[in-house]
Amino acid sequence: MRRAWQYLGRLGERGVSSVEFAIVGGLFLTLLLAIFELGYIVFVQSVLDSSARSAARQIRTGQAQASGNAQTDFQTTLCAEVSSVVSCGNMIFQVQKFANWSATQTAVNTPPVRDPKTGKLIPVPFNAGTCGDIVAVQVTYDYQFFTMWIGQQLGDSMQSAFLMSTVVFQNEPFCGG
């Protein structure tokens, strides 16, 4: 009789692990995907920051202006730096010169604008300035979430978010030799 009770007790536990995994597994998988997504976002932001600093240095030192086409030189440097991680197609850059530091702060705090029809970012005219000018370089990447739930929580209606890197500096005195 004792053996019969032990056997019946074991029969009731069959499949419990599968049910427990079904309850916890979805939450665990979602948490794991969120960790990967957020880690990748931080990595992309770091690459974007480094690339923006490298490309902005071309303007600050006057190398981009001396090449004859500062915008092409800047874009080539920027895209070469980020190409291993992101596409230049989802990225815009804004290079503007300003008369004083407070005007720079106002412009930098203004978020980029999307085209309502296409959803693409709208760029502003490129102006690298000359020696001694105050310049703001703002690189914006339109990051598309690969996890739909994270995109709904952190993104906008287009399942994307702006990753931005801003570098503000005063050009070196490269004009007068």
Protein backbone atom coordinates (compact mmCIF):
# COMPACT_ATOMS: atom_id res chain seq x y z
CA MET A 1 0.00 0.00 0.00
CA ARG A 2 2.82 2.30 0.84
CA ARG A 3 4.34 1.75 -2.60
CA ALA A 4 1.07 2.60 -4.27
CA TRP A 5 0.90 5.98 -2.55
CA GLN A 6 4.47 6.79 -3.52
CA TYR A 7 3.74 5.87 -7.14
CA LEU A 8 0.58 8.01 -7.23
CA GLY A 9 2.48 10.92 -5.69
CA ARG A 10 5.07 10.80 -8.45
CA LEU A 11 2.47 10.72 -11.18
CA GLY A 12 1.07 14.08 -10.04
CA GLU A 13 4.42 15.86 -10.48
CA ARG A 14 4.93 14.94 -14.10
CA GLY A 15 4.93 18.03 -16.38
CA VAL A 16 5.30 20.55 -13.55
CA SER A 17 8.63 21.80 -14.93
CA SER A 18 7.05 22.46 -18.33
CA VAL A 19 4.22 24.45 -16.77
CA GLU A 20 6.62 26.46 -14.61
CA PHE A 21 8.82 27.23 -17.61
CA ALA A 22 5.78 28.32 -19.63
CA ILE A 23 4.91 30.79 -16.87
CA VAL A 24 8.43 32.13 -16.27
CA GLY A 25 10.00 31.55 -19.73
CA GLY A 26 8.20 34.36 -21.55
CA LEU A 27 9.16 36.90 -18.92
CA PHE A 28 12.75 35.63 -18.88
CA LEU A 29 13.05 35.82 -22.68
CA THR A 30 11.62 39.36 -22.73
CA LEU A 31 14.04 40.45 -20.02
CA LEU A 32 16.95 38.89 -21.89
CA LEU A 33 16.00 40.65 -25.15
CA ALA A 34 15.63 43.95 -23.30
CA ILE A 35 19.14 43.59 -21.86
CA PHE A 36 20.59 42.88 -25.33
CA GLU A 37 18.67 45.77 -26.91
CA LEU A 38 19.68 48.32 -24.28
CA GLY A 39 23.28 47.12 -24.33
CA TYR A 40 23.38 47.53 -28.11
CA ILE A 41 21.89 51.04 -27.82
CA VAL A 42 24.66 52.05 -25.40
CA PHE A 43 27.26 50.57 -27.76
CA VAL A 44 25.84 52.44 -30.79
CA GLN A 45 25.75 55.68 -28.76
CA SER A 46 29.39 55.22 -27.81
CA VAL A 47 30.42 54.68 -31.45
CA LEU A 48 28.35 57.71 -32.47
CA ASP A 49 30.06 59.90 -29.83
CA SER A 50 33.53 58.80 -30.87
CA SER A 51 32.80 59.28 -34.57
CA ALA A 52 31.30 62.73 -34.04
CA ARG A 53 34.38 63.85 -32.08
CA SER A 54 36.75 62.55 -34.77
CA ALA A 55 34.84 64.20 -37.60
CA ALA A 56 34.40 67.46 -35.64
CA ARG A 57 38.16 67.59 -35.13
CA GLN A 58 38.51 67.92 -38.92
CA ILE A 59 36.46 71.13 -38.72
CA ARG A 60 38.04 72.45 -35.52
CA THR A 61 41.57 72.22 -36.90
CA GLY A 62 40.61 73.63 -40.32
CA GLN A 63 41.45 70.46 -42.26
CA ALA A 64 37.91 70.11 -43.61
CA GLN A 65 37.75 73.78 -44.68
CA ALA A 66 41.19 73.56 -46.36
CA SER A 67 40.09 70.56 -48.46
CA GLY A 68 37.74 72.78 -50.48
CA ASN A 69 34.57 70.85 -49.67
CA ALA A 70 34.20 70.74 -45.88
CA GLN A 71 30.84 68.95 -45.95
CA THR A 72 32.07 66.03 -48.06
CA ASP A 73 35.25 65.73 -46.03
CA PHE A 74 33.26 65.75 -42.76
CA GLN A 75 30.72 63.22 -44.05
CA THR A 76 33.43 60.88 -45.35
CA THR A 77 35.22 60.90 -42.00
CA LEU A 78 31.99 60.42 -40.05
CA CYS A 79 30.68 57.56 -42.20
CA ALA A 80 34.04 55.79 -42.20
CA GLU A 81 34.02 55.82 -38.39
CA VAL A 82 30.45 54.51 -37.91
CA SER A 83 30.14 52.20 -40.92
CA SER A 84 31.07 49.06 -39.00
CA VAL A 85 28.07 49.48 -36.67
CA VAL A 86 25.37 51.61 -38.32
CA SER A 87 24.38 52.81 -41.76
CA CYS A 88 24.90 56.43 -42.78
CA GLY A 89 21.46 56.33 -44.41
CA ASN A 90 19.67 56.63 -41.04
CA MET A 91 21.95 59.39 -39.82
CA ILE A 92 22.00 63.14 -40.32
CA PHE A 93 24.50 65.70 -39.19
CA GLN A 94 24.05 69.37 -38.46
CA VAL A 95 27.07 71.65 -38.49
CA GLN A 96 26.30 75.28 -37.68
CA LYS A 97 28.35 78.30 -36.69
CA PHE A 98 27.12 80.73 -34.04
CA ALA A 99 27.89 84.28 -32.99
CA ASN A 100 28.05 83.48 -29.24
CA TRP A 101 27.85 80.60 -26.79
CA SER A 102 24.26 81.28 -25.64
CA ALA A 103 22.94 81.02 -29.22
CA THR A 104 24.70 77.67 -29.46
CA GLN A 105 22.93 76.38 -26.36
CA THR A 106 19.51 77.33 -27.75
CA ALA A 107 20.18 75.54 -31.04
CA VAL A 108 21.60 72.43 -29.42
CA ASN A 109 18.54 72.07 -27.17
CA THR A 110 16.19 72.11 -30.18
CA PRO A 111 15.42 68.51 -31.21
CA PRO A 112 15.66 67.40 -34.84
CA VAL A 113 12.49 67.34 -36.93
CA ARG A 114 11.01 64.45 -38.94
CA ASP A 115 9.41 64.81 -42.34
CA PRO A 116 5.73 63.98 -41.65
CA LYS A 117 5.35 62.06 -44.95
CA THR A 118 8.49 59.92 -44.97
CA GLY A 119 9.49 59.92 -41.29
CA LYS A 120 13.08 60.77 -42.25
CA LEU A 121 15.07 63.39 -40.36
CA ILE A 122 15.25 66.86 -41.93
CA PRO A 123 18.82 68.23 -42.11
CA VAL A 124 19.86 71.86 -41.76
CA PRO A 125 22.41 73.70 -43.94
CA PHE A 126 26.09 72.90 -43.35
CA ASN A 127 28.28 75.77 -42.08
CA ALA A 128 31.71 74.88 -40.66
CA GLY A 129 32.71 78.51 -40.12
CA THR A 130 36.24 79.88 -40.27
CA CYS A 131 39.01 80.40 -37.72
CA GLY A 132 37.81 81.42 -34.26
CA ASP A 133 34.10 80.72 -34.95
CA ILE A 134 31.92 78.87 -32.44
CA VAL A 135 30.63 75.71 -34.10
CA ALA A 136 28.14 73.06 -33.01
CA VAL A 137 28.21 69.60 -34.58
CA GLN A 138 25.18 67.44 -33.88
CA VAL A 139 25.01 63.90 -35.26
CA THR A 140 21.64 62.17 -34.99
CA TYR A 141 21.01 58.50 -35.69
CA ASP A 142 17.48 57.21 -36.13
CA TYR A 143 17.73 53.94 -34.18
CA GLN A 144 15.15 51.31 -35.18
CA PHE A 145 14.30 48.95 -32.30
CA PHE A 146 14.55 45.24 -33.07
CA THR A 147 12.45 44.26 -30.06
CA MET A 148 8.87 45.46 -30.59
CA TRP A 149 8.00 45.67 -26.89
CA ILE A 150 11.07 47.81 -26.09
CA GLY A 151 10.24 50.02 -29.09
CA GLN A 152 6.74 50.57 -27.74
CA GLN A 153 8.07 51.48 -24.30
CA LEU A 154 11.04 53.67 -25.27
CA GLY A 155 10.41 54.73 -28.86
CA ASP A 156 7.94 56.85 -30.72
CA SER A 157 5.10 55.87 -33.04
CA MET A 158 7.64 54.77 -35.67
CA GLN A 159 9.31 52.24 -33.31
CA SER A 160 12.51 54.29 -33.29
CA ALA A 161 14.42 56.71 -31.13
CA PHE A 162 16.98 59.43 -31.76
CA LEU A 163 20.51 58.76 -30.59
CA MET A 164 22.33 62.08 -30.60
CA SER A 165 25.90 63.17 -30.15
CA THR A 166 26.76 66.85 -29.84
CA VAL A 167 30.18 68.47 -29.99
CA VAL A 168 30.48 72.24 -29.42
CA PHE A 169 33.82 73.98 -29.87
CA GLN A 170 35.58 77.11 -31.01
CA ASN A 171 37.62 76.69 -34.18
CA GLU A 172 41.36 77.00 -33.79
CA PRO A 173 43.05 80.09 -35.24
CA PHE A 174 44.06 78.39 -38.50
CA CYS A 175 43.46 81.41 -40.77
CA GLY A 176 46.33 83.81 -40.32
CA GLY A 177 49.30 81.48 -40.23
